[in-house]
Amino acid sequence: MSELWETHAEWWIDGFTDGADPEYEEQILPLAARELEGARRVLDVGCGDGQVTRLANRLGADVWAIDPTWNCLRVAHERGGGVFARAGAGALPFADGSFDAVVACLVFEHIRDVDDAIAEVARVLQPCGRFCFFLNHPLLQTPNSGWIDDQFLDPPEQYWRIGPYLVEDETIEEVEKDVFIPFIHRPLSRYVNTLAANGLFVQRMEEPSPPAGFLAKAEEYEAASTIPRLLYLRTVKG
């Protein structure tokens, strides 16, 4: 799995950072700024090129960031904003209670050892610390789900088909030509119950509509404006 990210790191760096992606610019980064406001010591898990790391730094936090991908970490270090280290989410190189906030942005849908990773987040958080947890919405990531344009019906219909939602499944998706990225689908209950088992309790949940900049990218996207692409959970360590 990590080999694919090393190979295709530029796809992420070029396509989703420094203003390139409307969902980040119009939705994810403003939400992250609100949720990280006031944090003093932040850990960015799966930081990629450090986009959220730099945001937390601009908000005044001291930020540490980890990622298993050398190619992303090299760029993150060049762009600055935090202390960067190569590590996986299932074995964080920090002492218990090191942070008052942990953020993971579109990361856990690529992590196999989800139980270890969530346990590690809970371990490094201080009591009452917050975990800011961003996911591609599980409905979106369900295998074989997608937007259907059914021209056989009269009149034609467009609708979102949901695949086997309750089945955990790992797939390798060709996200653009010759770029292959691993995804792991899990139902929302799998995440929420594992968070709770580790003393991380949901305080807020958001399923925002896709932002205007995304919907404007293609005419057919407007019909999908009621289908959430993002799921956000704020959890607090009890």
Protein backbone atom coordinates (compact mmCIF):
# COMPACT_ATOMS: atom_id res chain seq x y z
CA MET A 1 0.00 0.00 0.00
CA SER A 2 2.78 2.46 0.91
CA GLU A 3 4.56 1.68 -2.36
CA LEU A 4 1.61 3.01 -4.35
CA TRP A 5 1.64 6.24 -2.38
CA GLU A 6 5.37 6.66 -2.96
CA THR A 7 4.87 6.10 -6.68
CA HIS A 8 1.93 8.46 -7.00
CA ALA A 9 2.78 11.14 -4.41
CA GLU A 10 2.91 13.84 -7.08
CA TRP A 11 -0.73 13.15 -7.97
CA TRP A 12 -1.67 14.28 -4.46
CA ILE A 13 0.82 17.12 -4.16
CA ASP A 14 -0.06 18.65 -7.54
CA GLY A 15 -3.80 18.04 -7.50
CA PHE A 16 -4.93 18.75 -3.94
CA THR A 17 -2.70 21.39 -2.36
CA ASP A 18 -1.77 25.07 -2.70
CA GLY A 19 -5.20 26.04 -4.00
CA ALA A 20 -5.50 23.29 -6.62
CA ASP A 21 -8.60 21.59 -5.20
CA PRO A 22 -11.90 23.44 -4.55
CA GLU A 23 -13.06 20.93 -1.94
CA TYR A 24 -9.98 21.62 0.16
CA GLU A 25 -10.07 25.38 -0.39
CA GLU A 26 -13.80 25.95 0.07
CA GLN A 27 -14.72 23.26 2.58
CA ILE A 28 -12.02 21.14 4.23
CA LEU A 29 -9.50 23.83 5.17
CA PRO A 30 -12.10 26.29 6.55
CA LEU A 31 -13.64 23.47 8.61
CA ALA A 32 -10.21 22.40 9.86
CA ALA A 33 -9.38 26.01 10.79
CA ARG A 34 -12.54 26.26 12.86
CA GLU A 35 -12.00 22.91 14.57
CA LEU A 36 -8.31 23.48 15.37
CA GLU A 37 -8.81 27.00 16.69
CA GLY A 38 -7.15 27.39 20.10
CA ALA A 39 -5.13 24.16 19.96
CA ARG A 40 -1.58 24.54 21.31
CA ARG A 41 0.11 21.24 20.40
CA VAL A 42 -1.21 19.50 17.29
CA LEU A 43 -0.35 16.20 15.63
CA ASP A 44 -1.19 15.83 11.93
CA VAL A 45 -1.52 12.10 11.14
CA GLY A 46 -0.92 11.28 7.49
CA CYS A 47 0.13 14.82 6.69
CA GLY A 48 0.94 14.33 3.01
CA ASP A 49 2.72 17.47 1.83
CA GLY A 50 1.72 19.25 5.07
CA GLN A 51 -1.21 21.36 3.94
CA VAL A 52 -3.15 20.97 7.22
CA THR A 53 0.10 21.16 9.17
CA ARG A 54 0.75 24.63 7.76
CA LEU A 55 -2.81 25.66 8.52
CA ALA A 56 -2.50 24.64 12.18
CA ASN A 57 0.83 26.46 12.39
CA ARG A 58 -0.75 29.66 11.03
CA LEU A 59 -3.37 29.35 13.78
CA GLY A 60 -0.57 29.54 16.34
CA ALA A 61 -0.10 25.89 17.27
CA ASP A 62 3.14 23.96 17.59
CA VAL A 63 2.68 21.17 15.07
CA TRP A 64 4.21 17.74 14.61
CA ALA A 65 3.32 15.69 11.54
CA ILE A 66 3.86 12.11 10.42
CA ASP A 67 3.46 10.30 7.12
CA PRO A 68 4.82 6.98 5.82
CA THR A 69 5.63 8.46 2.38
CA TRP A 70 9.11 9.88 1.83
CA ASN A 71 8.12 11.78 -1.31
CA CYS A 72 5.38 13.66 0.54
CA LEU A 73 7.55 14.31 3.59
CA ARG A 74 10.29 15.83 1.44
CA VAL A 75 7.86 18.39 0.06
CA ALA A 76 6.27 18.96 3.47
CA HIS A 77 9.67 19.70 4.98
CA GLU A 78 10.49 22.15 2.18
CA ARG A 79 7.19 23.99 2.66
CA GLY A 80 7.60 24.10 6.45
CA GLY A 81 5.10 24.74 9.21
CA GLY A 82 5.95 21.86 11.52
CA VAL A 83 8.27 19.09 12.64
CA PHE A 84 7.98 16.16 10.23
CA ALA A 85 8.78 12.49 10.77
CA ARG A 86 8.30 9.27 8.81
CA ALA A 87 5.97 6.96 10.73
CA GLY A 88 2.76 5.00 10.37
CA ALA A 89 -0.41 5.78 12.26
CA GLY A 90 -0.34 2.45 14.06
CA ALA A 91 2.88 3.25 15.95
CA LEU A 92 3.15 6.96 16.73
CA PRO A 93 6.61 8.03 17.98
CA PHE A 94 5.30 10.27 20.78
CA ALA A 95 4.75 9.97 24.51
CA ASP A 96 1.34 9.50 26.11
CA GLY A 97 -0.68 12.70 26.35
CA SER A 98 1.63 14.74 24.11
CA PHE A 99 -1.06 16.70 22.23
CA ASP A 100 -4.25 18.60 22.90
CA ALA A 101 -5.41 18.04 19.30
CA VAL A 102 -4.86 15.38 16.66
CA VAL A 103 -6.07 15.79 13.09
CA ALA A 104 -6.33 13.19 10.32
CA CYS A 105 -7.59 14.49 6.99
CA LEU A 106 -8.71 11.91 4.39
CA VAL A 107 -6.24 9.37 5.80
CA PHE A 108 -8.00 6.54 7.63
CA GLU A 109 -9.71 5.26 4.48
CA HIS A 110 -6.17 4.27 3.38
CA ILE A 111 -5.05 2.65 6.68
CA ARG A 112 -5.24 -1.12 7.15
CA ASP A 113 -4.44 -1.22 10.89
CA VAL A 114 -7.35 1.03 11.87
CA ASP A 115 -7.69 -0.40 15.41
CA ASP A 116 -4.04 0.26 16.23
CA ALA A 117 -4.19 3.70 14.62
CA ILE A 118 -7.20 4.85 16.63
CA ALA A 119 -5.72 3.43 19.84
CA GLU A 120 -2.54 5.40 19.15
CA VAL A 121 -4.48 8.62 18.58
CA ALA A 122 -6.19 8.14 21.93
CA ARG A 123 -2.89 7.38 23.65
CA VAL A 124 -1.08 10.54 22.51
CA LEU A 125 -4.04 12.82 23.27
CA GLN A 126 -4.35 14.62 26.59
CA PRO A 127 -7.55 14.11 28.60
CA CYS A 128 -10.28 16.25 27.02
CA GLY A 129 -8.15 16.55 23.89
CA ARG A 130 -9.88 16.57 20.51
CA PHE A 131 -9.46 14.31 17.50
CA CYS A 132 -10.48 16.08 14.29
CA PHE A 133 -11.37 13.21 11.97
CA PHE A 134 -12.02 13.84 8.25
CA LEU A 135 -13.07 10.98 5.96
CA ASN A 136 -14.21 10.54 2.43
CA HIS A 137 -17.82 9.74 3.25
CA PRO A 138 -18.28 5.95 3.60
CA LEU A 139 -21.25 6.14 1.23
CA LEU A 140 -18.93 7.55 -1.41
CA GLN A 141 -16.29 4.86 -0.84
CA THR A 142 -18.60 1.85 -0.82
CA PRO A 143 -17.34 -0.53 -3.55
CA ASN A 144 -19.39 -0.40 -6.75
CA SER A 145 -21.28 2.68 -5.63
CA GLY A 146 -21.50 5.68 -7.92
CA TRP A 147 -23.62 8.15 -9.80
CA ILE A 148 -25.96 6.43 -12.27
CA ASP A 149 -27.38 8.15 -15.35
CA ASP A 150 -30.19 5.78 -16.29
CA GLN A 151 -31.34 6.58 -19.82
CA PHE A 152 -33.46 3.43 -20.10
CA LEU A 153 -36.16 4.83 -17.81
CA ASP A 154 -38.83 7.14 -19.15
CA PRO A 155 -38.20 9.82 -18.16
CA PRO A 156 -34.45 9.21 -17.54
CA GLU A 157 -33.27 9.30 -13.93
CA GLN A 158 -30.03 10.13 -12.19
CA TYR A 159 -29.37 8.63 -8.80
CA TRP A 160 -26.60 7.43 -6.45
CA ARG A 161 -26.21 3.66 -6.30
CA ILE A 162 -24.87 2.31 -3.00
CA GLY A 163 -22.84 -0.89 -3.05
CA PRO A 164 -22.45 -3.39 -0.16
CA TYR A 165 -22.17 -0.74 2.53
CA LEU A 166 -21.85 -3.06 5.53
CA VAL A 167 -18.96 -5.08 4.06
CA GLU A 168 -15.42 -3.91 4.79
CA ASP A 169 -13.45 -4.06 1.59
CA GLU A 170 -10.09 -2.93 0.21
CA THR A 171 -9.80 -1.81 -3.40
CA ILE A 172 -7.17 -0.27 -5.64
CA GLU A 173 -8.76 2.54 -7.61
CA GLU A 174 -7.47 4.16 -10.78
CA VAL A 175 -8.20 7.73 -9.71
CA GLU A 176 -6.88 9.08 -12.99
CA LYS A 177 -5.05 7.51 -15.92
CA ASP A 178 -2.23 5.27 -14.63
CA VAL A 179 -2.59 6.54 -11.04
CA PHE A 180 -3.61 3.77 -8.61
CA ILE A 181 -4.51 4.51 -4.99
CA PRO A 182 -5.65 2.02 -2.30
CA PHE A 183 -8.93 2.62 -0.46
CA ILE A 184 -10.51 0.71 2.42
CA HIS A 185 -14.25 1.00 2.86
CA ARG A 186 -15.68 0.64 6.36
CA PRO A 187 -19.20 1.50 7.56
CA LEU A 188 -19.46 4.49 9.84
CA SER A 189 -20.36 2.29 12.82
CA ARG A 190 -16.97 0.59 12.55
CA TYR A 191 -15.20 3.89 13.11
CA VAL A 192 -17.53 5.24 15.79
CA ASN A 193 -17.48 2.06 17.87
CA THR A 194 -13.69 1.77 17.66
CA LEU A 195 -13.32 5.42 18.66
CA ALA A 196 -15.63 4.89 21.64
CA ALA A 197 -13.81 1.72 22.69
CA ASN A 198 -10.68 3.86 23.00
CA GLY A 199 -12.36 6.62 24.99
CA LEU A 200 -12.90 8.97 22.04
CA PHE A 201 -16.53 10.12 21.98
CA VAL A 202 -18.28 11.96 19.17
CA GLN A 203 -19.08 15.55 20.07
CA ARG A 204 -19.96 16.82 16.61
CA MET A 205 -20.66 15.27 13.19
CA GLU A 206 -20.94 17.04 9.85
CA GLU A 207 -21.92 15.82 6.39
CA PRO A 208 -21.69 19.00 4.31
CA SER A 209 -22.97 19.34 0.77
CA PRO A 210 -20.23 19.45 -1.87
CA PRO A 211 -18.94 23.03 -2.23
CA ALA A 212 -19.80 25.27 -5.16
CA GLY A 213 -16.34 25.01 -6.69
CA PHE A 214 -16.63 21.24 -6.95
CA LEU A 215 -20.18 21.30 -8.35
CA ALA A 216 -19.07 23.79 -11.01
CA LYS A 217 -16.41 21.42 -12.37
CA ALA A 218 -18.96 19.45 -14.42
CA GLU A 219 -22.60 20.05 -15.33
CA GLU A 220 -23.71 16.64 -14.08
CA TYR A 221 -22.24 17.30 -10.61
CA GLU A 222 -25.09 19.69 -9.83
CA ALA A 223 -27.46 16.72 -9.68
CA ALA A 224 -25.25 15.23 -6.93
CA SER A 225 -25.47 18.28 -4.68
CA THR A 226 -27.44 16.33 -2.05
CA ILE A 227 -24.88 13.50 -1.81
CA PRO A 228 -22.19 14.20 0.84
CA ARG A 229 -18.61 13.58 -0.19
CA LEU A 230 -17.11 14.48 3.19
CA LEU A 231 -17.72 13.16 6.70
CA TYR A 232 -16.30 15.03 9.69
CA LEU A 233 -16.28 13.84 13.31
CA ARG A 234 -15.00 15.82 16.26
CA THR A 235 -14.26 13.37 19.04
CA VAL A 236 -13.11 14.22 22.56
CA LYS A 237 -11.04 12.02 24.86
CA GLY A 238 -13.01 11.22 27.97
